[in-house]
Amino acid sequence: MKKDYDLEVRKAIGKQIKHLREERGISQEEFAFLVGIDRTYVSFIERGERSPRLPILYRMANVLEVHPGALLVEIDETLE
């Protein structure tokens, strides 16, 4: 598996989280508070620099009022 694939996955998930957060009019600071994490961690996740743990993804989905699966998006590249 290519190392770049992991980066693409992180970026795609981060972009989806950011899209859903902004769609709801929630600032990064407010979102971080509601999820119970630091605002800089939200920024890292949204830029694809960090991968949130599964419990954090579930808390994010809860705050965004979506099914946790809505945070996962398809990646066009194939696993190699």
PDB file of N, CA and C in Angstrom:
ATOM      1  N   MET A   1       0.853  -1.171   0.000  1.00  0.00           N
ATOM      2  CA  MET A   1       0.000   0.000   0.000  1.00  0.00           C
ATOM      3  C   MET A   1       0.900   1.236   0.000  1.00  0.00           C
ATOM      4  N   LYS A   2       0.551   2.188  -0.811  1.00  0.00           N
ATOM      5  CA  LYS A   2       1.339   3.407  -0.898  1.00  0.00           C
ATOM      6  C   LYS A   2       1.136   4.271   0.345  1.00  0.00           C
ATOM      7  N   LYS A   3       2.209   4.894   0.782  1.00  0.00           N
ATOM      8  CA  LYS A   3       2.138   5.786   1.925  1.00  0.00           C
ATOM      9  C   LYS A   3       1.253   6.999   1.626  1.00  0.00           C
ATOM     10  N   ASP A   4       1.275   7.450   0.378  1.00  0.00           N
ATOM     11  CA  ASP A   4       0.454   8.587  -0.031  1.00  0.00           C
ATOM     12  C   ASP A   4      -1.033   8.286   0.131  1.00  0.00           C
ATOM     13  N   TYR A   5      -1.407   7.020   0.040  1.00  0.00           N
ATOM     14  CA  TYR A   5      -2.809   6.639   0.177  1.00  0.00           C
ATOM     15  C   TYR A   5      -3.328   7.022   1.563  1.00  0.00           C
ATOM     16  N   ASP A   6      -2.521   6.787   2.594  1.00  0.00           N
ATOM     17  CA  ASP A   6      -2.914   7.155   3.953  1.00  0.00           C
ATOM     18  C   ASP A   6      -3.164   8.653   4.055  1.00  0.00           C
ATOM     19  N   LEU A   7      -2.304   9.435   3.421  1.00  0.00           N
ATOM     20  CA  LEU A   7      -2.468  10.886   3.421  1.00  0.00           C
ATOM     21  C   LEU A   7      -3.761  11.274   2.716  1.00  0.00           C
ATOM     22  N   GLU A   8      -4.052  10.634   1.596  1.00  0.00           N
ATOM     23  CA  GLU A   8      -5.287  10.930   0.859  1.00  0.00           C
ATOM     24  C   GLU A   8      -6.521  10.593   1.692  1.00  0.00           C
ATOM     25  N   VAL A   9      -6.465   9.497   2.428  1.00  0.00           N
ATOM     26  CA  VAL A   9      -7.579   9.115   3.303  1.00  0.00           C
ATOM     27  C   VAL A   9      -7.772  10.164   4.383  1.00  0.00           C
ATOM     28  N   ARG A  10      -6.683  10.560   5.049  1.00  0.00           N
ATOM     29  CA  ARG A  10      -6.784  11.583   6.100  1.00  0.00           C
ATOM     30  C   ARG A  10      -7.334  12.892   5.550  1.00  0.00           C
ATOM     31  N   LYS A  11      -6.855  13.303   4.370  1.00  0.00           N
ATOM     32  CA  LYS A  11      -7.332  14.552   3.769  1.00  0.00           C
ATOM     33  C   LYS A  11      -8.814  14.482   3.412  1.00  0.00           C
ATOM     34  N   ALA A  12      -9.243  13.351   2.859  1.00  0.00           N
ATOM     35  CA  ALA A  12     -10.643  13.208   2.455  1.00  0.00           C
ATOM     36  C   ALA A  12     -11.566  13.241   3.668  1.00  0.00           C
ATOM     37  N   ILE A  13     -11.190  12.552   4.732  1.00  0.00           N
ATOM     38  CA  ILE A  13     -12.009  12.546   5.944  1.00  0.00           C
ATOM     39  C   ILE A  13     -12.007  13.934   6.582  1.00  0.00           C
ATOM     40  N   GLY A  14     -10.852  14.571   6.625  1.00  0.00           N
ATOM     41  CA  GLY A  14     -10.765  15.922   7.178  1.00  0.00           C
ATOM     42  C   GLY A  14     -11.612  16.914   6.401  1.00  0.00           C
ATOM     43  N   LYS A  15     -11.579  16.803   5.081  1.00  0.00           N
ATOM     44  CA  LYS A  15     -12.376  17.691   4.236  1.00  0.00           C
ATOM     45  C   LYS A  15     -13.873  17.485   4.487  1.00  0.00           C
ATOM     46  N   GLN A  16     -14.276  16.228   4.671  1.00  0.00           N
ATOM     47  CA  GLN A  16     -15.687  15.923   4.942  1.00  0.00           C
ATOM     48  C   GLN A  16     -16.119  16.482   6.302  1.00  0.00           C
ATOM     49  N   ILE A  17     -15.284  16.325   7.293  1.00  0.00           N
ATOM     50  CA  ILE A  17     -15.595  16.852   8.623  1.00  0.00           C
ATOM     51  C   ILE A  17     -15.726  18.377   8.553  1.00  0.00           C
ATOM     52  N   LYS A  18     -14.779  19.020   7.891  1.00  0.00           N
ATOM     53  CA  LYS A  18     -14.819  20.481   7.759  1.00  0.00           C
ATOM     54  C   LYS A  18     -16.082  20.926   7.026  1.00  0.00           C
ATOM     55  N   HIS A  19     -16.410  20.230   5.944  1.00  0.00           N
ATOM     56  CA  HIS A  19     -17.616  20.568   5.172  1.00  0.00           C
ATOM     57  C   HIS A  19     -18.870  20.493   6.048  1.00  0.00           C
ATOM     58  N   LEU A  20     -19.017  19.395   6.783  1.00  0.00           N
ATOM     59  CA  LEU A  20     -20.193  19.216   7.631  1.00  0.00           C
ATOM     60  C   LEU A  20     -20.229  20.242   8.764  1.00  0.00           C
ATOM     61  N   ARG A  21     -19.071  20.539   9.323  1.00  0.00           N
ATOM     62  CA  ARG A  21     -18.995  21.531  10.412  1.00  0.00           C
ATOM     63  C   ARG A  21     -19.397  22.910   9.904  1.00  0.00           C
ATOM     64  N   GLU A  22     -18.831  23.313   8.774  1.00  0.00           N
ATOM     65  CA  GLU A  22     -19.140  24.633   8.218  1.00  0.00           C
ATOM     66  C   GLU A  22     -20.594  24.717   7.757  1.00  0.00           C
ATOM     67  N   GLU A  23     -21.117  23.621   7.225  1.00  0.00           N
ATOM     68  CA  GLU A  23     -22.510  23.569   6.786  1.00  0.00           C
ATOM     69  C   GLU A  23     -23.460  23.875   7.944  1.00  0.00           C
ATOM     70  N   ARG A  24     -23.045  23.501   9.145  1.00  0.00           N
ATOM     71  CA  ARG A  24     -23.852  23.734  10.343  1.00  0.00           C
ATOM     72  C   ARG A  24     -23.519  25.055  11.031  1.00  0.00           C
ATOM     73  N   GLY A  25     -22.563  25.779  10.470  1.00  0.00           N
ATOM     74  CA  GLY A  25     -22.213  27.087  11.023  1.00  0.00           C
ATOM     75  C   GLY A  25     -21.507  27.010  12.359  1.00  0.00           C
ATOM     76  N   ILE A  26     -20.726  25.967  12.569  1.00  0.00           N
ATOM     77  CA  ILE A  26     -20.006  25.775  13.833  1.00  0.00           C
ATOM     78  C   ILE A  26     -18.537  26.130  13.618  1.00  0.00           C
ATOM     79  N   SER A  27     -18.000  26.987  14.460  1.00  0.00           N
ATOM     80  CA  SER A  27     -16.578  27.333  14.369  1.00  0.00           C
ATOM     81  C   SER A  27     -15.732  26.154  14.845  1.00  0.00           C
ATOM     82  N   GLN A  28     -14.453  26.171  14.472  1.00  0.00           N
ATOM     83  CA  GLN A  28     -13.541  25.122  14.949  1.00  0.00           C
ATOM     84  C   GLN A  28     -13.480  25.120  16.471  1.00  0.00           C
ATOM     85  N   GLU A  29     -13.443  26.298  17.054  1.00  0.00           N
ATOM     86  CA  GLU A  29     -13.338  26.404  18.511  1.00  0.00           C
ATOM     87  C   GLU A  29     -14.565  25.800  19.202  1.00  0.00           C
ATOM     88  N   GLU A  30     -15.749  26.157  18.715  1.00  0.00           N
ATOM     89  CA  GLU A  30     -16.977  25.619  19.298  1.00  0.00           C
ATOM     90  C   GLU A  30     -17.066  24.104  19.078  1.00  0.00           C
ATOM     91  N   PHE A  31     -16.710  23.671  17.881  1.00  0.00           N
ATOM     92  CA  PHE A  31     -16.742  22.246  17.551  1.00  0.00           C
ATOM     93  C   PHE A  31     -15.813  21.464  18.482  1.00  0.00           C
ATOM     94  N   ALA A  32     -14.606  21.971  18.650  1.00  0.00           N
ATOM     95  CA  ALA A  32     -13.638  21.317  19.531  1.00  0.00           C
ATOM     96  C   ALA A  32     -14.193  21.210  20.949  1.00  0.00           C
ATOM     97  N   PHE A  33     -14.789  22.288  21.438  1.00  0.00           N
ATOM     98  CA  PHE A  33     -15.366  22.280  22.782  1.00  0.00           C
ATOM     99  C   PHE A  33     -16.463  21.223  22.892  1.00  0.00           C
ATOM    100  N   LEU A  34     -17.359  21.187  21.905  1.00  0.00           N
ATOM    101  CA  LEU A  34     -18.476  20.241  21.940  1.00  0.00           C
ATOM    102  C   LEU A  34     -18.007  18.787  21.838  1.00  0.00           C
ATOM    103  N   VAL A  35     -16.941  18.561  21.070  1.00  0.00           N
ATOM    104  CA  VAL A  35     -16.398  17.202  20.919  1.00  0.00           C
ATOM    105  C   VAL A  35     -15.540  16.823  22.130  1.00  0.00           C
ATOM    106  N   GLY A  36     -14.957  17.834  22.784  1.00  0.00           N
ATOM    107  CA  GLY A  36     -14.111  17.573  23.942  1.00  0.00           C
ATOM    108  C   GLY A  36     -12.650  17.385  23.583  1.00  0.00           C
ATOM    109  N   ILE A  37     -12.218  18.096  22.533  1.00  0.00           N
ATOM    110  CA  ILE A  37     -10.819  18.026  22.108  1.00  0.00           C
ATOM    111  C   ILE A  37     -10.300  19.451  21.915  1.00  0.00           C
ATOM    112  N   ASP A  38      -8.996  19.568  21.709  1.00  0.00           N
ATOM    113  CA  ASP A  38      -8.369  20.867  21.503  1.00  0.00           C
ATOM    114  C   ASP A  38      -8.653  21.379  20.084  1.00  0.00           C
ATOM    115  N   ARG A  39      -8.795  22.695  19.939  1.00  0.00           N
ATOM    116  CA  ARG A  39      -9.074  23.277  18.632  1.00  0.00           C
ATOM    117  C   ARG A  39      -7.965  22.990  17.630  1.00  0.00           C
ATOM    118  N   THR A  40      -6.718  22.981  18.096  1.00  0.00           N
ATOM    119  CA  THR A  40      -5.622  22.703  17.170  1.00  0.00           C
ATOM    120  C   THR A  40      -5.714  21.279  16.627  1.00  0.00           C
ATOM    121  N   TYR A  41      -6.231  20.349  17.429  1.00  0.00           N
ATOM    122  CA  TYR A  41      -6.410  18.973  16.966  1.00  0.00           C
ATOM    123  C   TYR A  41      -7.452  18.926  15.851  1.00  0.00           C
ATOM    124  N   VAL A  42      -8.520  19.716  15.983  1.00  0.00           N
ATOM    125  CA  VAL A  42      -9.535  19.804  14.925  1.00  0.00           C
ATOM    126  C   VAL A  42      -8.872  20.310  13.649  1.00  0.00           C
ATOM    127  N   SER A  43      -8.045  21.333  13.765  1.00  0.00           N
ATOM    128  CA  SER A  43      -7.352  21.891  12.611  1.00  0.00           C
ATOM    129  C   SER A  43      -6.459  20.842  11.956  1.00  0.00           C
ATOM    130  N   PHE A  44      -5.708  20.102  12.748  1.00  0.00           N
ATOM    131  CA  PHE A  44      -4.848  19.040  12.212  1.00  0.00           C
ATOM    132  C   PHE A  44      -5.673  17.994  11.463  1.00  0.00           C
ATOM    133  N   ILE A  45      -6.803  17.606  12.033  1.00  0.00           N
ATOM    134  CA  ILE A  45      -7.670  16.597  11.410  1.00  0.00           C
ATOM    135  C   ILE A  45      -8.220  17.134  10.089  1.00  0.00           C
ATOM    136  N   GLU A  46      -8.733  18.342  10.099  1.00  0.00           N
ATOM    137  CA  GLU A  46      -9.337  18.910   8.891  1.00  0.00           C
ATOM    138  C   GLU A  46      -8.324  19.115   7.768  1.00  0.00           C
ATOM    139  N   ARG A  47      -7.068  19.310   8.105  1.00  0.00           N
ATOM    140  CA  ARG A  47      -6.019  19.462   7.085  1.00  0.00           C
ATOM    141  C   ARG A  47      -5.412  18.124   6.678  1.00  0.00           C
ATOM    142  N   GLY A  48      -5.832  17.044   7.321  1.00  0.00           N
ATOM    143  CA  GLY A  48      -5.312  15.728   6.980  1.00  0.00           C
ATOM    144  C   GLY A  48      -3.961  15.423   7.585  1.00  0.00           C
ATOM    145  N   GLU A  49      -3.573  16.172   8.595  1.00  0.00           N
ATOM    146  CA  GLU A  49      -2.276  15.963   9.241  1.00  0.00           C
ATOM    147  C   GLU A  49      -2.345  14.946  10.382  1.00  0.00           C
ATOM    148  N   ARG A  50      -3.536  14.704  10.896  1.00  0.00           N
ATOM    149  CA  ARG A  50      -3.731  13.740  11.980  1.00  0.00           C
ATOM    150  C   ARG A  50      -4.947  12.885  11.666  1.00  0.00           C
ATOM    151  N   SER A  51      -4.936  11.672  12.216  1.00  0.00           N
ATOM    152  CA  SER A  51      -6.082  10.769  12.101  1.00  0.00           C
ATOM    153  C   SER A  51      -6.772  10.687  13.451  1.00  0.00           C
ATOM    154  N   PRO A  52      -8.057  11.005  13.496  1.00  0.00           N
ATOM    155  CA  PRO A  52      -8.760  10.886  14.783  1.00  0.00           C
ATOM    156  C   PRO A  52      -9.004   9.433  15.137  1.00  0.00           C
ATOM    157  N   ARG A  53      -8.951   9.125  16.421  1.00  0.00           N
ATOM    158  CA  ARG A  53      -9.292   7.776  16.882  1.00  0.00           C
ATOM    159  C   ARG A  53     -10.782   7.557  16.664  1.00  0.00           C
ATOM    160  N   LEU A  54     -11.177   6.310  16.612  1.00  0.00           N
ATOM    161  CA  LEU A  54     -12.569   5.958  16.351  1.00  0.00           C
ATOM    162  C   LEU A  54     -13.545   6.590  17.343  1.00  0.00           C
ATOM    163  N   PRO A  55     -13.275   6.581  18.658  1.00  0.00           N
ATOM    164  CA  PRO A  55     -14.204   7.238  19.581  1.00  0.00           C
ATOM    165  C   PRO A  55     -14.377   8.733  19.288  1.00  0.00           C
ATOM    166  N   ILE A  56     -13.305   9.389  18.830  1.00  0.00           N
ATOM    167  CA  ILE A  56     -13.392  10.809  18.481  1.00  0.00           C
ATOM    168  C   ILE A  56     -14.281  10.983  17.253  1.00  0.00           C
ATOM    169  N   LEU A  57     -14.152  10.096  16.266  1.00  0.00           N
ATOM    170  CA  LEU A  57     -15.015  10.166  15.085  1.00  0.00           C
ATOM    171  C   LEU A  57     -16.483  10.048  15.480  1.00  0.00           C
ATOM    172  N   TYR A  58     -16.772   9.159  16.403  1.00  0.00           N
ATOM    173  CA  TYR A  58     -18.159   8.991  16.858  1.00  0.00           C
ATOM    174  C   TYR A  58     -18.656  10.240  17.587  1.00  0.00           C
ATOM    175  N   ARG A  59     -17.794  10.845  18.396  1.00  0.00           N
ATOM    176  CA  ARG A  59     -18.199  12.082  19.085  1.00  0.00           C
ATOM    177  C   ARG A  59     -18.412  13.212  18.092  1.00  0.00           C
ATOM    178  N   MET A  60     -17.558  13.286  17.061  1.00  0.00           N
ATOM    179  CA  MET A  60     -17.716  14.302  16.028  1.00  0.00           C
ATOM    180  C   MET A  60     -19.042  14.110  15.292  1.00  0.00           C
ATOM    181  N   ALA A  61     -19.331  12.871  14.935  1.00  0.00           N
ATOM    182  CA  ALA A  61     -20.592  12.578  14.243  1.00  0.00           C
ATOM    183  C   ALA A  61     -21.783  12.968  15.104  1.00  0.00           C
ATOM    184  N   ASN A  62     -21.699  12.702  16.388  1.00  0.00           N
ATOM    185  CA  ASN A  62     -22.779  13.062  17.303  1.00  0.00           C
ATOM    186  C   ASN A  62     -22.998  14.578  17.327  1.00  0.00           C
ATOM    187  N   VAL A  63     -21.915  15.334  17.421  1.00  0.00           N
ATOM    188  CA  VAL A  63     -22.017  16.796  17.436  1.00  0.00           C
ATOM    189  C   VAL A  63     -22.569  17.302  16.103  1.00  0.00           C
ATOM    190  N   LEU A  64     -22.148  16.679  15.008  1.00  0.00           N
ATOM    191  CA  LEU A  64     -22.606  17.092  13.681  1.00  0.00           C
ATOM    192  C   LEU A  64     -23.985  16.537  13.335  1.00  0.00           C
ATOM    193  N   GLU A  65     -24.512  15.700  14.215  1.00  0.00           N
ATOM    194  CA  GLU A  65     -25.830  15.078  14.043  1.00  0.00           C
ATOM    195  C   GLU A  65     -25.926  14.289  12.742  1.00  0.00           C
ATOM    196  N   VAL A  66     -24.879  13.473  12.504  1.00  0.00           N
ATOM    197  CA  VAL A  66     -24.863  12.585  11.350  1.00  0.00           C
ATOM    198  C   VAL A  66     -24.476  11.187  11.808  1.00  0.00           C
ATOM    199  N   HIS A  67     -24.757  10.206  10.980  1.00  0.00           N
ATOM    200  CA  HIS A  67     -24.298   8.843  11.243  1.00  0.00           C
ATOM    201  C   HIS A  67     -22.775   8.838  11.107  1.00  0.00           C
ATOM    202  N   PRO A  68     -22.056   8.103  11.949  1.00  0.00           N
ATOM    203  CA  PRO A  68     -20.591   8.084  11.854  1.00  0.00           C
ATOM    204  C   PRO A  68     -20.077   7.753  10.448  1.00  0.00           C
ATOM    205  N   GLY A  69     -20.821   6.934   9.727  1.00  0.00           N
ATOM    206  CA  GLY A  69     -20.421   6.587   8.365  1.00  0.00           C
ATOM    207  C   GLY A  69     -20.408   7.775   7.423  1.00  0.00           C
ATOM    208  N   ALA A  70     -21.136   8.837   7.764  1.00  0.00           N
ATOM    209  CA  ALA A  70     -21.174  10.036   6.924  1.00  0.00           C
ATOM    210  C   ALA A  70     -19.834  10.775   6.935  1.00  0.00           C
ATOM    211  N   LEU A  71     -18.980  10.461   7.899  1.00  0.00           N
ATOM    212  CA  LEU A  71     -17.667  11.097   7.962  1.00  0.00           C
ATOM    213  C   LEU A  71     -16.661  10.402   7.056  1.00  0.00           C
ATOM    214  N   LEU A  72     -16.985   9.185   6.638  1.00  0.00           N
ATOM    215  CA  LEU A  72     -16.089   8.419   5.773  1.00  0.00           C
ATOM    216  C   LEU A  72     -16.504   8.621   4.326  1.00  0.00           C
ATOM    217  N   VAL A  73     -15.544   8.895   3.480  1.00  0.00           N
ATOM    218  CA  VAL A  73     -15.824   9.138   2.073  1.00  0.00           C
ATOM    219  C   VAL A  73     -14.987   8.203   1.213  1.00  0.00           C
ATOM    220  N   GLU A  74     -15.448   7.980   0.001  1.00  0.00           N
ATOM    221  CA  GLU A  74     -14.715   7.115  -0.919  1.00  0.00           C
ATOM    222  C   GLU A  74     -13.470   7.810  -1.433  1.00  0.00           C
ATOM    223  N   ILE A  75     -12.426   7.022  -1.624  1.00  0.00           N
ATOM    224  CA  ILE A  75     -11.189   7.500  -2.200  1.00  0.00           C
ATOM    225  C   ILE A  75     -11.101   6.890  -3.582  1.00  0.00           C
ATOM    226  N   ASP A  76     -10.780   7.675  -4.585  1.00  0.00           N
ATOM    227  CA  ASP A  76     -10.741   7.190  -5.962  1.00  0.00           C
ATOM    228  C   ASP A  76      -9.572   6.250  -6.240  1.00  0.00           C
ATOM    229  N   GLU A  77      -8.487   6.363  -5.500  1.00  0.00           N
ATOM    230  CA  GLU A  77      -7.326   5.522  -5.732  1.00  0.00           C
ATOM    231  C   GLU A  77      -7.581   4.101  -5.268  1.00  0.00           C
ATOM    232  N   THR A  78      -6.850   3.173  -5.834  1.00  0.00           N
ATOM    233  CA  THR A  78      -6.978   1.773  -5.417  1.00  0.00           C
ATOM    234  C   THR A  78      -5.852   1.436  -4.462  1.00  0.00           C
ATOM    235  N   LEU A  79      -6.096   0.483  -3.596  1.00  0.00           N
ATOM    236  CA  LEU A  79      -5.054   0.021  -2.674  1.00  0.00           C
ATOM    237  C   LEU A  79      -4.064  -0.835  -3.434  1.00  0.00           C
ATOM    238  N   GLU A  80      -2.790  -0.539  -3.281  1.00  0.00           N
ATOM    239  CA  GLU A  80      -1.741  -1.334  -3.920  1.00  0.00           C
ATOM    240  C   GLU A  80      -0.672  -1.664  -2.935  1.00  0.00           C
TER     241      GLU A  80
END
